[in-house]
Protein backbone atom coordinates (compact mmCIF):
# COMPACT_ATOMS: atom_id res chain seq x y z
CA MET A 1 -36.14 9.97 6.24
CA THR A 2 -32.46 10.02 4.92
CA ILE A 3 -31.07 10.72 8.29
CA LEU A 4 -33.25 7.94 9.82
CA LEU A 5 -31.55 5.91 6.86
CA LEU A 6 -28.14 7.11 7.95
CA LEU A 7 -28.44 6.38 11.79
CA VAL A 8 -30.07 2.86 10.87
CA VAL A 9 -26.83 1.92 7.96
CA ILE A 10 -24.37 3.63 11.27
CA LEU A 11 -26.55 0.84 13.57
CA ILE A 12 -26.10 -1.90 11.45
CA GLY A 13 -22.33 -1.10 10.83
CA TYR A 14 -21.61 -1.05 14.58
CA LEU A 15 -23.66 -4.23 15.73
CA LEU A 16 -22.05 -5.97 12.73
CA GLY A 17 -18.48 -4.44 13.94
CA SER A 18 -19.33 -5.59 17.75
CA ILE A 19 -19.11 -9.23 16.84
CA SER A 20 -16.24 -10.55 18.01
CA PHE A 21 -14.62 -13.60 15.97
CA SER A 22 -11.78 -14.05 18.18
CA TYR A 23 -13.39 -14.07 20.88
CA LEU A 24 -16.12 -16.34 19.66
CA ILE A 25 -13.44 -18.38 18.38
CA ALA A 26 -11.58 -18.65 21.46
CA LYS A 27 -14.56 -20.10 23.66
CA LYS A 28 -15.51 -22.57 20.91
CA ILE A 29 -11.94 -23.92 20.56
CA LYS A 30 -10.35 -23.40 24.35
CA LYS A 31 -13.35 -22.47 26.55
CA VAL A 32 -11.47 -19.14 27.07
CA ASP A 33 -11.56 -15.64 27.00
CA ILE A 34 -9.34 -14.19 24.49
CA ARG A 35 -8.73 -10.79 26.54
CA GLN A 36 -7.70 -12.83 29.34
CA HIS A 37 -4.62 -14.44 27.68
CA GLY A 38 -1.46 -13.25 25.65
CA SER A 39 -1.50 -9.58 25.07
CA GLY A 40 -5.34 -9.50 26.09
CA ASN A 41 -6.58 -8.02 22.93
CA ALA A 42 -9.64 -9.27 20.93
CA GLY A 43 -7.49 -9.66 17.53
CA ALA A 44 -6.11 -11.62 15.01
CA THR A 45 -2.33 -11.35 16.39
CA ASN A 46 -3.49 -12.50 19.80
CA THR A 47 -5.16 -15.14 18.53
CA LEU A 48 -2.48 -16.33 16.66
CA ARG A 49 0.00 -16.21 19.95
CA VAL A 50 -3.54 -18.07 21.73
CA LEU A 51 -4.65 -20.86 19.69
CA GLY A 52 -2.44 -20.43 16.65
CA ILE A 53 -2.16 -20.02 13.15
CA GLY A 54 -5.46 -21.67 11.55
CA PRO A 55 -7.88 -19.99 14.26
CA ALA A 56 -6.00 -16.89 13.88
CA ILE A 57 -6.53 -16.67 10.11
CA SER A 58 -9.69 -17.28 10.47
CA VAL A 59 -10.20 -14.64 12.60
CA LEU A 60 -8.35 -12.24 10.22
CA ALA A 61 -10.45 -13.00 7.40
CA LEU A 62 -13.97 -13.05 9.70
CA ASP A 63 -12.92 -9.85 10.99
CA ILE A 64 -11.92 -8.44 7.30
CA VAL A 65 -15.11 -9.68 5.80
CA LYS A 66 -17.36 -7.91 8.37
CA GLY A 67 -15.97 -4.35 7.35
CA ILE A 68 -16.67 -4.95 3.74
CA ILE A 69 -20.28 -6.24 4.42
CA ALA A 70 -20.31 -3.38 6.44
CA VAL A 71 -19.74 -0.81 3.47
CA TRP A 72 -21.44 -2.72 0.88
CA ILE A 73 -24.89 -1.91 3.28
CA GLY A 74 -23.82 1.59 3.20
CA ILE A 75 -23.30 1.49 -0.36
CA LEU A 76 -26.62 -0.37 -1.23
CA LEU A 77 -28.37 2.03 0.86
CA ALA A 78 -27.03 5.12 0.02
CA PRO A 79 -29.21 7.72 -1.40
CA ASP A 80 -26.67 9.43 -3.63
CA GLN A 81 -22.65 9.43 -4.41
CA SER A 82 -21.02 11.68 -2.21
CA GLY A 83 -19.81 8.63 -0.06
CA VAL A 84 -21.22 9.70 3.58
CA PHE A 85 -23.36 5.93 3.85
CA PRO A 86 -20.73 3.72 3.35
CA ALA A 87 -17.81 5.78 4.73
CA LEU A 88 -19.80 6.34 8.38
CA ALA A 89 -21.07 2.31 8.09
CA GLY A 90 -17.28 1.46 7.68
CA LEU A 91 -16.39 3.70 10.81
CA ALA A 92 -19.34 2.56 12.84
CA ALA A 93 -18.19 -0.93 12.26
CA ILE A 94 -14.17 -0.28 12.91
CA LEU A 95 -15.87 1.23 16.42
CA GLY A 96 -17.61 -1.72 17.12
CA HIS A 97 -15.01 -4.23 16.65
CA ASN A 98 -12.76 -1.75 19.12
CA TRP A 99 -15.81 -1.49 21.67
CA PRO A 100 -18.20 -4.02 20.94
CA VAL A 101 -21.38 -3.82 23.21
CA TYR A 102 -21.62 -7.73 23.60
CA TYR A 103 -18.58 -8.30 25.61
CA GLY A 104 -18.59 -5.32 27.62
CA PHE A 105 -16.95 -2.74 24.90
CA ARG A 106 -13.42 -4.72 25.45
CA GLY A 107 -12.49 -5.35 21.68
CA GLY A 108 -9.35 -5.31 19.52
CA LYS A 109 -7.41 -2.44 17.80
CA GLY A 110 -9.61 -2.55 14.59
CA VAL A 111 -6.86 -3.37 11.97
CA ALA A 112 -8.51 -6.23 10.18
CA THR A 113 -11.84 -4.45 9.56
CA THR A 114 -9.95 -1.21 8.89
CA ILE A 115 -8.38 -3.16 5.91
CA GLY A 116 -11.65 -4.81 5.13
CA VAL A 117 -13.31 -1.09 5.09
CA ILE A 118 -10.69 0.96 3.71
CA ALA A 119 -10.01 -1.72 1.03
CA THR A 120 -13.51 -1.61 -0.12
CA LEU A 121 -13.82 2.43 -0.05
CA VAL A 122 -10.39 3.09 -1.42
CA PHE A 123 -9.06 -0.36 -3.14
CA PHE A 124 -5.64 0.93 -5.06
CA PRO A 125 -4.43 3.73 -2.24
CA ALA A 126 -4.93 0.62 0.37
CA LEU A 127 -3.45 -1.81 -1.77
CA PHE A 128 -0.38 0.41 -2.11
CA ALA A 129 -0.24 0.87 1.80
CA GLY A 130 -0.86 -2.55 2.58
CA ILE A 131 2.40 -3.95 0.22
CA ILE A 132 4.72 -1.27 2.20
CA ALA A 133 2.81 -2.66 5.76
CA ILE A 134 3.42 -6.27 5.03
CA ILE A 135 7.10 -5.79 3.48
CA SER A 136 7.63 -4.25 6.91
CA ILE A 137 6.70 -7.00 9.11
CA VAL A 138 8.12 -9.42 7.21
CA LEU A 139 11.39 -7.20 7.60
CA THR A 140 11.06 -6.44 11.10
CA ARG A 141 8.50 -8.81 12.36
CA TYR A 142 7.03 -5.74 14.09
CA VAL A 143 3.31 -6.68 13.09
CA SER A 144 2.03 -3.07 15.17
CA LEU A 145 4.57 -1.26 12.44
CA GLY A 146 2.89 -2.67 9.60
CA SER A 147 -0.38 -1.62 11.45
CA LEU A 148 0.47 2.17 11.48
CA LEU A 149 2.03 2.39 8.13
CA PHE A 150 -0.71 1.14 6.50
CA ALA A 151 -3.05 3.57 8.85
CA LEU A 152 -0.71 6.36 7.73
CA LEU A 153 0.14 5.55 4.09
CA THR A 154 -3.52 4.87 3.15
CA PRO A 155 -4.98 8.22 3.09
CA ALA A 156 -1.70 9.88 1.95
CA PHE A 157 -2.01 7.52 -1.10
CA ALA A 158 -6.23 8.21 -1.09
CA TYR A 159 -5.01 11.54 -1.80
CA LEU A 160 -2.54 11.75 -4.13
CA LEU A 161 -4.44 9.40 -6.49
CA MET A 162 -8.02 11.25 -5.89
CA GLU A 163 -8.23 12.10 -9.25
CA THR A 164 -7.07 9.35 -10.96
CA TYR A 165 -9.87 7.11 -9.26
CA GLN A 166 -12.18 9.20 -8.47
CA ILE A 167 -12.00 8.82 -4.88
CA PRO A 168 -15.02 11.13 -3.27
CA GLN A 169 -13.35 13.54 -0.46
CA MET A 170 -15.48 11.39 2.51
CA TYR A 171 -13.33 8.44 1.99
CA ILE A 172 -10.21 10.60 2.29
CA ILE A 173 -11.58 12.06 5.63
CA LEU A 174 -12.49 8.79 6.38
CA SER A 175 -8.65 7.37 6.54
CA ILE A 176 -7.85 10.12 8.07
CA LEU A 177 -9.86 9.52 10.69
CA VAL A 178 -9.44 5.43 10.92
CA ALA A 179 -5.41 6.74 11.04
CA VAL A 180 -5.89 8.94 13.63
CA LEU A 181 -8.04 6.69 15.83
CA SER A 182 -5.46 3.21 14.69
CA PHE A 183 -2.58 5.51 15.92
CA TRP A 184 -3.98 6.17 19.38
CA ARG A 185 -5.72 2.81 19.90
CA HIS A 186 -1.82 1.47 19.39
CA ARG A 187 -0.10 4.37 21.36
CA THR A 188 1.35 1.60 23.78
CA ASN A 189 2.63 -0.03 20.94
CA ILE A 190 4.39 3.04 19.41
CA GLN A 191 5.88 3.29 22.94
CA ARG A 192 7.22 -0.07 22.65
CA LEU A 193 8.75 0.34 19.49
CA LEU A 194 10.16 3.88 20.36
CA THR A 195 11.63 1.79 23.62
CA GLY A 196 12.56 -1.29 21.47
CA THR A 197 10.78 -3.24 23.73
CA GLU A 198 7.86 -4.24 21.27
CA SER A 199 7.20 -7.88 21.06
CA LYS A 200 7.78 -9.33 17.47
CA ILE A 201 5.62 -11.63 15.67
CA GLY A 202 5.80 -15.45 17.33
CA LYS A 203 6.81 -13.79 20.86
CA LYS A 204 4.43 -12.29 23.03
CA LYS A 205 2.27 -9.44 22.93
CA GLU A 206 0.44 -8.11 19.83
CA ALA A 207 -0.59 -5.44 17.35
CA SER A 208 -3.75 -6.36 15.83
């Protein structure tokens, strides 16, 4: 019964994460497929470049919220305090955003949804990592660099603050998995950062 419930939670998380708000908003406003414009990424950064700041903020907020909801479904249905249910529900939401079943498995890079998931599970480590990530974006205008710093530093802070904030080991494992996934999804951005050809915010290409 517990395994069946876990599978249901994972499925709900995935289907929720598969809702692409950048795709839906672009279709509504411009009647276009966001994945065929700008960088081709279905995320908030590409929405900013294609549609402007208003729609981009909406996409960012909604993508964060779906990550939060997925985690809370896991928390509410969890039979224990191990953290397995909310962690896997959150991971499923991120995977859904990246590979959405509704849109031919072509989604975004999961940064906003990851923020929602990780901030819900490990708030203070995510906050500290997020502050550093935001500062890096402000100074360099590389959204991809901020995204990568957030993914890298969150598990580091979570481990260091594990006892202080009584963080379940499962949450730390999840943050590491998410970091690996984020670096893999941003592999082309990393190559461009290393060669100095990565696009800065306000130009072309994307990172979120």
